[in-house]
Amino acid sequence: MSWIVLSVAGLLEIAFAFGMKWSAGFSRLWPSVYAAVTGLGSIWLLSTSLRSLPVGTAYAVWTGIGAAGTAVIGMIFLGESASVARVACIALILSGVLGLRLSAGVVA
């Protein structure tokens, strides 16, 4: 269940990033409210997932989902660069997130 909560926190992190963009430096009311609600929700869900997940793993996964998701959505909907190098770097981030998830139960 903690992984699901963490995944939703990551999705809210993506929503928060776009809310900040739309708020124009928090100068527009409703986009600013949207950014605040999604940002606080993301942090609250991250902290909830930390009850049972290691902080280093959870934080890395949370930021990875947010960074990769924001970049991909920016490419699709905002016309941001989709160069081969950029897509390859996003793939590396996602492979790191997946690796952390798959190794979470492995004791070294």
PDB file of N, CA and C in Angstrom:
ATOM      1  N   MET A   1       0.822  -1.202   0.000  1.00  0.00           N
ATOM      2  CA  MET A   1       0.000   0.000   0.000  1.00  0.00           C
ATOM      3  C   MET A   1       0.863   1.262   0.000  1.00  0.00           C
ATOM      4  N   SER A   2       2.005   1.211   0.688  1.00  0.00           N
ATOM      5  CA  SER A   2       2.877   2.384   0.744  1.00  0.00           C
ATOM      6  C   SER A   2       3.394   2.777  -0.625  1.00  0.00           C
ATOM      7  N   TRP A   3       3.620   1.786  -1.490  1.00  0.00           N
ATOM      8  CA  TRP A   3       4.095   2.088  -2.835  1.00  0.00           C
ATOM      9  C   TRP A   3       3.021   2.774  -3.660  1.00  0.00           C
ATOM     10  N   ILE A   4       1.773   2.409  -3.451  1.00  0.00           N
ATOM     11  CA  ILE A   4       0.669   3.072  -4.155  1.00  0.00           C
ATOM     12  C   ILE A   4       0.555   4.522  -3.688  1.00  0.00           C
ATOM     13  N   VAL A   5       0.633   4.715  -2.371  1.00  0.00           N
ATOM     14  CA  VAL A   5       0.577   6.069  -1.805  1.00  0.00           C
ATOM     15  C   VAL A   5       1.728   6.908  -2.353  1.00  0.00           C
ATOM     16  N   LEU A   6       2.921   6.326  -2.411  1.00  0.00           N
ATOM     17  CA  LEU A   6       4.077   7.039  -2.933  1.00  0.00           C
ATOM     18  C   LEU A   6       3.903   7.372  -4.413  1.00  0.00           C
ATOM     19  N   SER A   7       3.311   6.474  -5.177  1.00  0.00           N
ATOM     20  CA  SER A   7       3.064   6.732  -6.596  1.00  0.00           C
ATOM     21  C   SER A   7       2.095   7.892  -6.790  1.00  0.00           C
ATOM     22  N   VAL A   8       1.046   7.927  -5.996  1.00  0.00           N
ATOM     23  CA  VAL A   8       0.087   9.040  -6.081  1.00  0.00           C
ATOM     24  C   VAL A   8       0.772  10.339  -5.666  1.00  0.00           C
ATOM     25  N   ALA A   9       1.639  10.278  -4.660  1.00  0.00           N
ATOM     26  CA  ALA A   9       2.402  11.466  -4.257  1.00  0.00           C
ATOM     27  C   ALA A   9       3.249  11.970  -5.417  1.00  0.00           C
ATOM     28  N   GLY A  10       3.848  11.054  -6.167  1.00  0.00           N
ATOM     29  CA  GLY A  10       4.636  11.443  -7.336  1.00  0.00           C
ATOM     30  C   GLY A  10       3.787  12.090  -8.412  1.00  0.00           C
ATOM     31  N   LEU A  11       2.594  11.554  -8.627  1.00  0.00           N
ATOM     32  CA  LEU A  11       1.681  12.156  -9.611  1.00  0.00           C
ATOM     33  C   LEU A  11       1.253  13.562  -9.181  1.00  0.00           C
ATOM     34  N   LEU A  12       1.016  13.733  -7.890  1.00  0.00           N
ATOM     35  CA  LEU A  12       0.674  15.066  -7.393  1.00  0.00           C
ATOM     36  C   LEU A  12       1.857  16.022  -7.525  1.00  0.00           C
ATOM     37  N   GLU A  13       3.069  15.484  -7.442  1.00  0.00           N
ATOM     38  CA  GLU A  13       4.259  16.310  -7.644  1.00  0.00           C
ATOM     39  C   GLU A  13       4.300  16.856  -9.070  1.00  0.00           C
ATOM     40  N   ILE A  14       3.898  16.031 -10.027  1.00  0.00           N
ATOM     41  CA  ILE A  14       3.800  16.482 -11.421  1.00  0.00           C
ATOM     42  C   ILE A  14       2.749  17.590 -11.532  1.00  0.00           C
ATOM     43  N   ALA A  15       1.593  17.372 -10.929  1.00  0.00           N
ATOM     44  CA  ALA A  15       0.520  18.374 -10.964  1.00  0.00           C
ATOM     45  C   ALA A  15       0.985  19.678 -10.314  1.00  0.00           C
ATOM     46  N   PHE A  16       1.736  19.566  -9.230  1.00  0.00           N
ATOM     47  CA  PHE A  16       2.269  20.739  -8.538  1.00  0.00           C
ATOM     48  C   PHE A  16       3.185  21.547  -9.454  1.00  0.00           C
ATOM     49  N   ALA A  17       4.060  20.866 -10.183  1.00  0.00           N
ATOM     50  CA  ALA A  17       4.987  21.565 -11.085  1.00  0.00           C
ATOM     51  C   ALA A  17       4.227  22.369 -12.139  1.00  0.00           C
ATOM     52  N   PHE A  18       3.185  21.759 -12.715  1.00  0.00           N
ATOM     53  CA  PHE A  18       2.416  22.486 -13.716  1.00  0.00           C
ATOM     54  C   PHE A  18       1.584  23.593 -13.086  1.00  0.00           C
ATOM     55  N   GLY A  19       1.121  23.383 -11.873  1.00  0.00           N
ATOM     56  CA  GLY A  19       0.416  24.450 -11.160  1.00  0.00           C
ATOM     57  C   GLY A  19       1.301  25.664 -10.948  1.00  0.00           C
ATOM     58  N   MET A  20       2.568  25.411 -10.621  1.00  0.00           N
ATOM     59  CA  MET A  20       3.495  26.536 -10.462  1.00  0.00           C
ATOM     60  C   MET A  20       3.694  27.262 -11.785  1.00  0.00           C
ATOM     61  N   LYS A  21       3.794  26.514 -12.869  1.00  0.00           N
ATOM     62  CA  LYS A  21       3.951  27.137 -14.197  1.00  0.00           C
ATOM     63  C   LYS A  21       2.743  28.015 -14.513  1.00  0.00           C
ATOM     64  N   TRP A  22       1.557  27.448 -14.325  1.00  0.00           N
ATOM     65  CA  TRP A  22       0.316  28.180 -14.644  1.00  0.00           C
ATOM     66  C   TRP A  22       0.072  29.359 -13.709  1.00  0.00           C
ATOM     67  N   SER A  23       0.626  29.312 -12.505  1.00  0.00           N
ATOM     68  CA  SER A  23       0.375  30.393 -11.545  1.00  0.00           C
ATOM     69  C   SER A  23       1.166  31.652 -11.864  1.00  0.00           C
ATOM     70  N   ALA A  24       2.131  31.541 -12.785  1.00  0.00           N
ATOM     71  CA  ALA A  24       2.963  32.691 -13.179  1.00  0.00           C
ATOM     72  C   ALA A  24       3.601  33.347 -11.957  1.00  0.00           C
ATOM     73  N   GLY A  25       4.348  32.549 -11.223  1.00  0.00           N
ATOM     74  CA  GLY A  25       5.017  33.077 -10.031  1.00  0.00           C
ATOM     75  C   GLY A  25       4.056  33.363  -8.894  1.00  0.00           C
ATOM     76  N   PHE A  26       3.022  32.570  -8.793  1.00  0.00           N
ATOM     77  CA  PHE A  26       1.977  32.723  -7.776  1.00  0.00           C
ATOM     78  C   PHE A  26       1.290  34.090  -7.864  1.00  0.00           C
ATOM     79  N   SER A  27       1.161  34.588  -9.093  1.00  0.00           N
ATOM     80  CA  SER A  27       0.479  35.864  -9.298  1.00  0.00           C
ATOM     81  C   SER A  27      -0.958  35.682  -9.780  1.00  0.00           C
ATOM     82  N   ARG A  28      -1.365  34.444 -10.066  1.00  0.00           N
ATOM     83  CA  ARG A  28      -2.737  34.150 -10.494  1.00  0.00           C
ATOM     84  C   ARG A  28      -3.374  33.277  -9.410  1.00  0.00           C
ATOM     85  N   LEU A  29      -4.540  33.674  -8.936  1.00  0.00           N
ATOM     86  CA  LEU A  29      -5.144  33.059  -7.751  1.00  0.00           C
ATOM     87  C   LEU A  29      -5.421  31.569  -7.901  1.00  0.00           C
ATOM     88  N   TRP A  30      -6.240  31.164  -8.841  1.00  0.00           N
ATOM     89  CA  TRP A  30      -6.667  29.760  -8.883  1.00  0.00           C
ATOM     90  C   TRP A  30      -5.551  28.803  -9.246  1.00  0.00           C
ATOM     91  N   PRO A  31      -4.687  29.142 -10.188  1.00  0.00           N
ATOM     92  CA  PRO A  31      -3.544  28.264 -10.401  1.00  0.00           C
ATOM     93  C   PRO A  31      -2.627  28.189  -9.174  1.00  0.00           C
ATOM     94  N   SER A  32      -2.558  29.275  -8.412  1.00  0.00           N
ATOM     95  CA  SER A  32      -1.755  29.270  -7.186  1.00  0.00           C
ATOM     96  C   SER A  32      -2.375  28.361  -6.131  1.00  0.00           C
ATOM     97  N   VAL A  33      -3.690  28.410  -6.019  1.00  0.00           N
ATOM     98  CA  VAL A  33      -4.392  27.522  -5.082  1.00  0.00           C
ATOM     99  C   VAL A  33      -4.186  26.073  -5.497  1.00  0.00           C
ATOM    100  N   TYR A  34      -4.307  25.802  -6.794  1.00  0.00           N
ATOM    101  CA  TYR A  34      -4.088  24.454  -7.331  1.00  0.00           C
ATOM    102  C   TYR A  34      -2.674  23.973  -6.992  1.00  0.00           C
ATOM    103  N   ALA A  35      -1.678  24.850  -7.196  1.00  0.00           N
ATOM    104  CA  ALA A  35      -0.297  24.483  -6.901  1.00  0.00           C
ATOM    105  C   ALA A  35      -0.122  24.189  -5.413  1.00  0.00           C
ATOM    106  N   ALA A  36      -0.694  25.008  -4.569  1.00  0.00           N
ATOM    107  CA  ALA A  36      -0.557  24.806  -3.126  1.00  0.00           C
ATOM    108  C   ALA A  36      -1.210  23.500  -2.671  1.00  0.00           C
ATOM    109  N   VAL A  37      -2.406  23.235  -3.168  1.00  0.00           N
ATOM    110  CA  VAL A  37      -3.128  22.015  -2.769  1.00  0.00           C
ATOM    111  C   VAL A  37      -2.399  20.766  -3.249  1.00  0.00           C
ATOM    112  N   THR A  38      -1.965  20.768  -4.513  1.00  0.00           N
ATOM    113  CA  THR A  38      -1.284  19.579  -5.031  1.00  0.00           C
ATOM    114  C   THR A  38       0.088  19.412  -4.378  1.00  0.00           C
ATOM    115  N   GLY A  39       0.788  20.506  -4.130  1.00  0.00           N
ATOM    116  CA  GLY A  39       2.094  20.424  -3.466  1.00  0.00           C
ATOM    117  C   GLY A  39       1.981  19.895  -2.048  1.00  0.00           C
ATOM    118  N   LEU A  40       1.041  20.432  -1.288  1.00  0.00           N
ATOM    119  CA  LEU A  40       0.846  19.953   0.084  1.00  0.00           C
ATOM    120  C   LEU A  40       0.354  18.509   0.108  1.00  0.00           C
ATOM    121  N   GLY A  41      -0.530  18.158  -0.828  1.00  0.00           N
ATOM    122  CA  GLY A  41      -1.004  16.780  -0.908  1.00  0.00           C
ATOM    123  C   GLY A  41       0.123  15.823  -1.228  1.00  0.00           C
ATOM    124  N   SER A  42       1.002  16.227  -2.122  1.00  0.00           N
ATOM    125  CA  SER A  42       2.140  15.397  -2.489  1.00  0.00           C
ATOM    126  C   SER A  42       3.060  15.153  -1.295  1.00  0.00           C
ATOM    127  N   ILE A  43       3.366  16.209  -0.583  1.00  0.00           N
ATOM    128  CA  ILE A  43       4.239  16.075   0.584  1.00  0.00           C
ATOM    129  C   ILE A  43       3.575  15.245   1.675  1.00  0.00           C
ATOM    130  N   TRP A  44       2.288  15.427   1.888  1.00  0.00           N
ATOM    131  CA  TRP A  44       1.579  14.655   2.902  1.00  0.00           C
ATOM    132  C   TRP A  44       1.588  13.161   2.551  1.00  0.00           C
ATOM    133  N   LEU A  45       1.336  12.837   1.285  1.00  0.00           N
ATOM    134  CA  LEU A  45       1.359  11.432   0.887  1.00  0.00           C
ATOM    135  C   LEU A  45       2.770  10.854   0.964  1.00  0.00           C
ATOM    136  N   LEU A  46       3.776  11.639   0.603  1.00  0.00           N
ATOM    137  CA  LEU A  46       5.160  11.180   0.763  1.00  0.00           C
ATOM    138  C   LEU A  46       5.430  10.861   2.223  1.00  0.00           C
ATOM    139  N   SER A  47       5.061  11.752   3.117  1.00  0.00           N
ATOM    140  CA  SER A  47       5.311  11.519   4.542  1.00  0.00           C
ATOM    141  C   SER A  47       4.537  10.311   5.052  1.00  0.00           C
ATOM    142  N   THR A  48       3.358  10.073   4.511  1.00  0.00           N
ATOM    143  CA  THR A  48       2.580   8.889   4.889  1.00  0.00           C
ATOM    144  C   THR A  48       3.298   7.617   4.445  1.00  0.00           C
ATOM    145  N   SER A  49       3.852   7.627   3.241  1.00  0.00           N
ATOM    146  CA  SER A  49       4.551   6.441   2.745  1.00  0.00           C
ATOM    147  C   SER A  49       5.818   6.161   3.548  1.00  0.00           C
ATOM    148  N   LEU A  50       6.382   7.191   4.172  1.00  0.00           N
ATOM    149  CA  LEU A  50       7.606   7.015   4.946  1.00  0.00           C
ATOM    150  C   LEU A  50       7.391   6.237   6.243  1.00  0.00           C
ATOM    151  N   ARG A  51       6.158   5.979   6.587  1.00  0.00           N
ATOM    152  CA  ARG A  51       5.889   5.150   7.771  1.00  0.00           C
ATOM    153  C   ARG A  51       6.453   3.747   7.597  1.00  0.00           C
ATOM    154  N   SER A  52       6.517   3.278   6.337  1.00  0.00           N
ATOM    155  CA  SER A  52       6.995   1.917   6.122  1.00  0.00           C
ATOM    156  C   SER A  52       8.077   1.778   5.050  1.00  0.00           C
ATOM    157  N   LEU A  53       8.401   2.854   4.356  1.00  0.00           N
ATOM    158  CA  LEU A  53       9.448   2.792   3.334  1.00  0.00           C
ATOM    159  C   LEU A  53      10.685   3.533   3.810  1.00  0.00           C
ATOM    160  N   PRO A  54      11.862   3.099   3.385  1.00  0.00           N
ATOM    161  CA  PRO A  54      13.084   3.827   3.737  1.00  0.00           C
ATOM    162  C   PRO A  54      13.070   5.225   3.118  1.00  0.00           C
ATOM    163  N   VAL A  55      13.530   6.211   3.865  1.00  0.00           N
ATOM    164  CA  VAL A  55      13.451   7.596   3.410  1.00  0.00           C
ATOM    165  C   VAL A  55      14.242   7.820   2.119  1.00  0.00           C
ATOM    166  N   GLY A  56      15.422   7.255   2.010  1.00  0.00           N
ATOM    167  CA  GLY A  56      16.226   7.455   0.803  1.00  0.00           C
ATOM    168  C   GLY A  56      15.551   6.903  -0.436  1.00  0.00           C
ATOM    169  N   THR A  57      14.995   5.719  -0.317  1.00  0.00           N
ATOM    170  CA  THR A  57      14.303   5.088  -1.435  1.00  0.00           C
ATOM    171  C   THR A  57      13.049   5.869  -1.803  1.00  0.00           C
ATOM    172  N   ALA A  58      12.235   6.187  -0.806  1.00  0.00           N
ATOM    173  CA  ALA A  58      10.973   6.880  -1.073  1.00  0.00           C
ATOM    174  C   ALA A  58      11.214   8.257  -1.683  1.00  0.00           C
ATOM    175  N   TYR A  59      12.176   8.982  -1.163  1.00  0.00           N
ATOM    176  CA  TYR A  59      12.432  10.323  -1.684  1.00  0.00           C
ATOM    177  C   TYR A  59      12.948  10.260  -3.120  1.00  0.00           C
ATOM    178  N   ALA A  60      13.838   9.319  -3.391  1.00  0.00           N
ATOM    179  CA  ALA A  60      14.361   9.176  -4.751  1.00  0.00           C
ATOM    180  C   ALA A  60      13.261   8.796  -5.737  1.00  0.00           C
ATOM    181  N   VAL A  61      12.383   7.895  -5.339  1.00  0.00           N
ATOM    182  CA  VAL A  61      11.277   7.494  -6.209  1.00  0.00           C
ATOM    183  C   VAL A  61      10.319   8.663  -6.423  1.00  0.00           C
ATOM    184  N   TRP A  62       9.998   9.369  -5.370  1.00  0.00           N
ATOM    185  CA  TRP A  62       9.091  10.520  -5.446  1.00  0.00           C
ATOM    186  C   TRP A  62       9.627  11.591  -6.395  1.00  0.00           C
ATOM    187  N   THR A  63      10.889  11.959  -6.221  1.00  0.00           N
ATOM    188  CA  THR A  63      11.461  12.978  -7.088  1.00  0.00           C
ATOM    189  C   THR A  63      11.634  12.462  -8.513  1.00  0.00           C
ATOM    190  N   GLY A  64      11.935  11.178  -8.661  1.00  0.00           N
ATOM    191  CA  GLY A  64      12.077  10.599  -9.998  1.00  0.00           C
ATOM    192  C   GLY A  64      10.776  10.621 -10.774  1.00  0.00           C
ATOM    193  N   ILE A  65       9.696  10.222 -10.112  1.00  0.00           N
ATOM    194  CA  ILE A  65       8.381  10.273 -10.757  1.00  0.00           C
ATOM    195  C   ILE A  65       8.051  11.711 -11.145  1.00  0.00           C
ATOM    196  N   GLY A  66       8.282  12.636 -10.218  1.00  0.00           N
ATOM    197  CA  GLY A  66       7.980  14.046 -10.494  1.00  0.00           C
ATOM    198  C   GLY A  66       8.808  14.615 -11.626  1.00  0.00           C
ATOM    199  N   ALA A  67      10.104  14.347 -11.614  1.00  0.00           N
ATOM    200  CA  ALA A  67      10.991  14.896 -12.649  1.00  0.00           C
ATOM    201  C   ALA A  67      10.700  14.298 -14.019  1.00  0.00           C
ATOM    202  N   ALA A  68      10.638  12.982 -14.089  1.00  0.00           N
ATOM    203  CA  ALA A  68      10.407  12.324 -15.376  1.00  0.00           C
ATOM    204  C   ALA A  68       9.009  12.638 -15.910  1.00  0.00           C
ATOM    205  N   GLY A  69       8.017  12.561 -15.048  1.00  0.00           N
ATOM    206  CA  GLY A  69       6.642  12.829 -15.479  1.00  0.00           C
ATOM    207  C   GLY A  69       6.449  14.255 -15.962  1.00  0.00           C
ATOM    208  N   THR A  70       7.035  15.197 -15.248  1.00  0.00           N
ATOM    209  CA  THR A  70       6.920  16.600 -15.650  1.00  0.00           C
ATOM    210  C   THR A  70       7.608  16.826 -16.989  1.00  0.00           C
ATOM    211  N   ALA A  71       8.768  16.226 -17.174  1.00  0.00           N
ATOM    212  CA  ALA A  71       9.493  16.383 -18.440  1.00  0.00           C
ATOM    213  C   ALA A  71       8.717  15.778 -19.611  1.00  0.00           C
ATOM    214  N   VAL A  72       8.171  14.590 -19.414  1.00  0.00           N
ATOM    215  CA  VAL A  72       7.421  13.926 -20.492  1.00  0.00           C
ATOM    216  C   VAL A  72       6.167  14.715 -20.846  1.00  0.00           C
ATOM    217  N   ILE A  73       5.426  15.151 -19.852  1.00  0.00           N
ATOM    218  CA  ILE A  73       4.206  15.916 -20.118  1.00  0.00           C
ATOM    219  C   ILE A  73       4.549  17.257 -20.766  1.00  0.00           C
ATOM    220  N   GLY A  74       5.652  17.859 -20.342  1.00  0.00           N
ATOM    221  CA  GLY A  74       6.101  19.100 -20.983  1.00  0.00           C
ATOM    222  C   GLY A  74       6.417  18.896 -22.456  1.00  0.00           C
ATOM    223  N   MET A  75       7.018  17.755 -22.779  1.00  0.00           N
ATOM    224  CA  MET A  75       7.317  17.462 -24.182  1.00  0.00           C
ATOM    225  C   MET A  75       6.037  17.248 -24.983  1.00  0.00           C
ATOM    226  N   ILE A  76       5.086  16.526 -24.401  1.00  0.00           N
ATOM    227  CA  ILE A  76       3.857  16.181 -25.126  1.00  0.00           C
ATOM    228  C   ILE A  76       2.935  17.388 -25.297  1.00  0.00           C
ATOM    229  N   PHE A  77       2.719  18.142 -24.230  1.00  0.00           N
ATOM    230  CA  PHE A  77       1.702  19.184 -24.261  1.00  0.00           C
ATOM    231  C   PHE A  77       2.234  20.609 -24.397  1.00  0.00           C
ATOM    232  N   LEU A  78       3.498  20.845 -24.063  1.00  0.00           N
ATOM    233  CA  LEU A  78       4.022  22.212 -24.102  1.00  0.00           C
ATOM    234  C   LEU A  78       5.084  22.418 -25.174  1.00  0.00           C
ATOM    235  N   GLY A  79       5.323  21.395 -25.966  1.00  0.00           N
ATOM    236  CA  GLY A  79       6.276  21.533 -27.061  1.00  0.00           C
ATOM    237  C   GLY A  79       7.724  21.647 -26.618  1.00  0.00           C
ATOM    238  N   GLU A  80       8.040  21.155 -25.424  1.00  0.00           N
ATOM    239  CA  GLU A  80       9.421  21.194 -24.969  1.00  0.00           C
ATOM    240  C   GLU A  80      10.252  20.190 -25.761  1.00  0.00           C
ATOM    241  N   SER A  81      11.537  20.397 -25.780  1.00  0.00           N
ATOM    242  CA  SER A  81      12.453  19.563 -26.554  1.00  0.00           C
ATOM    243  C   SER A  81      12.296  18.079 -26.213  1.00  0.00           C
ATOM    244  N   ALA A  82      12.247  17.260 -27.267  1.00  0.00           N
ATOM    245  CA  ALA A  82      12.196  15.808 -27.109  1.00  0.00           C
ATOM    246  C   ALA A  82      13.407  15.192 -27.804  1.00  0.00           C
ATOM    247  N   SER A  83      14.557  15.797 -27.578  1.00  0.00           N
ATOM    248  CA  SER A  83      15.775  15.306 -28.207  1.00  0.00           C
ATOM    249  C   SER A  83      16.091  13.895 -27.717  1.00  0.00           C
ATOM    250  N   VAL A  84      16.884  13.190 -28.496  1.00  0.00           N
ATOM    251  CA  VAL A  84      17.262  11.827 -28.131  1.00  0.00           C
ATOM    252  C   VAL A  84      17.965  11.815 -26.779  1.00  0.00           C
ATOM    253  N   ALA A  85      18.850  12.755 -26.563  1.00  0.00           N
ATOM    254  CA  ALA A  85      19.578  12.809 -25.292  1.00  0.00           C
ATOM    255  C   ALA A  85      18.624  13.029 -24.115  1.00  0.00           C
ATOM    256  N   ARG A  86      17.655  13.902 -24.292  1.00  0.00           N
ATOM    257  CA  ARG A  86      16.704  14.190 -23.213  1.00  0.00           C
ATOM    258  C   ARG A  86      15.841  12.968 -22.905  1.00  0.00           C
ATOM    259  N   VAL A  87      15.349  12.313 -23.937  1.00  0.00           N
ATOM    260  CA  VAL A  87      14.532  11.112 -23.751  1.00  0.00           C
ATOM    261  C   VAL A  87      15.365  10.013 -23.104  1.00  0.00           C
ATOM    262  N   ALA A  88      16.619   9.874 -23.500  1.00  0.00           N
ATOM    263  CA  ALA A  88      17.495   8.861 -22.908  1.00  0.00           C
ATOM    264  C   ALA A  88      17.723   9.138 -21.424  1.00  0.00           C
ATOM    265  N   CYS A  89      17.898  10.382 -21.068  1.00  0.00           N
ATOM    266  CA  CYS A  89      18.095  10.731 -19.653  1.00  0.00           C
ATOM    267  C   CYS A  89      16.838  10.459 -18.831  1.00  0.00           C
ATOM    268  N   ILE A  90      15.675  10.738 -19.400  1.00  0.00           N
ATOM    269  CA  ILE A  90      14.419  10.426 -18.708  1.00  0.00           C
ATOM    270  C   ILE A  90      14.291   8.923 -18.527  1.00  0.00           C
ATOM    271  N   ALA A  91      14.679   8.156 -19.539  1.00  0.00           N
ATOM    272  CA  ALA A  91      14.654   6.691 -19.428  1.00  0.00           C
ATOM    273  C   ALA A  91      15.584   6.221 -18.313  1.00  0.00           C
ATOM    274  N   LEU A  92      16.724   6.875 -18.149  1.00  0.00           N
ATOM    275  CA  LEU A  92      17.633   6.517 -17.062  1.00  0.00           C
ATOM    276  C   LEU A  92      17.003   6.802 -15.700  1.00  0.00           C
ATOM    277  N   ILE A  93      16.324   7.932 -15.589  1.00  0.00           N
ATOM    278  CA  ILE A  93      15.637   8.255 -14.327  1.00  0.00           C
ATOM    279  C   ILE A  93      14.598   7.179 -14.020  1.00  0.00           C
ATOM    280  N   LEU A  94      13.785   6.844 -15.015  1.00  0.00           N
ATOM    281  CA  LEU A  94      12.736   5.837 -14.802  1.00  0.00           C
ATOM    282  C   LEU A  94      13.320   4.468 -14.499  1.00  0.00           C
ATOM    283  N   SER A  95      14.438   4.121 -15.122  1.00  0.00           N
ATOM    284  CA  SER A  95      15.053   2.825 -14.801  1.00  0.00           C
ATOM    285  C   SER A  95      15.587   2.823 -13.373  1.00  0.00           C
ATOM    286  N   GLY A  96      16.076   3.954 -12.909  1.00  0.00           N
ATOM    287  CA  GLY A  96      16.507   4.065 -11.514  1.00  0.00           C
ATOM    288  C   GLY A  96      15.349   3.909 -10.548  1.00  0.00           C
ATOM    289  N   VAL A  97      14.223   4.544 -10.868  1.00  0.00           N
ATOM    290  CA  VAL A  97      13.020   4.417 -10.027  1.00  0.00           C
ATOM    291  C   VAL A  97      12.563   2.965  -9.986  1.00  0.00           C
ATOM    292  N   LEU A  98      12.522   2.328 -11.147  1.00  0.00           N
ATOM    293  CA  LEU A  98      12.116   0.925 -11.203  1.00  0.00           C
ATOM    294  C   LEU A  98      13.102   0.046 -10.433  1.00  0.00           C
ATOM    295  N   GLY A  99      14.378   0.309 -10.581  1.00  0.00           N
ATOM    296  CA  GLY A  99      15.388  -0.459  -9.854  1.00  0.00           C
ATOM    297  C   GLY A  99      15.240  -0.323  -8.355  1.00  0.00           C
ATOM    298  N   LEU A 100      14.958   0.883  -7.880  1.00  0.00           N
ATOM    299  CA  LEU A 100      14.738   1.079  -6.447  1.00  0.00           C
ATOM    300  C   LEU A 100      13.517   0.313  -5.966  1.00  0.00           C
ATOM    301  N   ARG A 101      12.469   0.321  -6.770  1.00  0.00           N
ATOM    302  CA  ARG A 101      11.245  -0.405  -6.396  1.00  0.00           C
ATOM    303  C   ARG A 101      11.509  -1.909  -6.341  1.00  0.00           C
ATOM    304  N   LEU A 102      12.196  -2.426  -7.345  1.00  0.00           N
ATOM    305  CA  LEU A 102      12.436  -3.876  -7.403  1.00  0.00           C
ATOM    306  C   LEU A 102      13.420  -4.345  -6.335  1.00  0.00           C
ATOM    307  N   SER A 103      14.328  -3.478  -5.933  1.00  0.00           N
ATOM    308  CA  SER A 103      15.317  -3.881  -4.926  1.00  0.00           C
ATOM    309  C   SER A 103      14.909  -3.511  -3.507  1.00  0.00           C
ATOM    310  N   ALA A 104      13.723  -2.972  -3.336  1.00  0.00           N
ATOM    311  CA  ALA A 104      13.303  -2.489  -2.009  1.00  0.00           C
ATOM    312  C   ALA A 104      13.251  -3.613  -0.977  1.00  0.00           C
ATOM    313  N   GLY A 105      12.917  -4.805  -1.401  1.00  0.00           N
ATOM    314  CA  GLY A 105      12.835  -5.908  -0.444  1.00  0.00           C
ATOM    315  C   GLY A 105      14.107  -6.722  -0.330  1.00  0.00           C
ATOM    316  N   VAL A 106      15.134  -6.346  -1.102  1.00  0.00           N
ATOM    317  CA  VAL A 106      16.389  -7.085  -1.102  1.00  0.00           C
ATOM    318  C   VAL A 106      17.279  -6.561   0.014  1.00  0.00           C
ATOM    319  N   VAL A 107      17.782  -7.477   0.821  1.00  0.00           N
ATOM    320  CA  VAL A 107      18.692  -7.109   1.907  1.00  0.00           C
ATOM    321  C   VAL A 107      20.103  -7.450   1.470  1.00  0.00           C
ATOM    322  N   ALA A 108      20.973  -6.456   1.454  1.00  0.00           N
ATOM    323  CA  ALA A 108      22.346  -6.692   0.998  1.00  0.00           C
ATOM    324  C   ALA A 108      23.228  -7.185   2.123  1.00  0.00           C
TER     325      ALA A 108
END
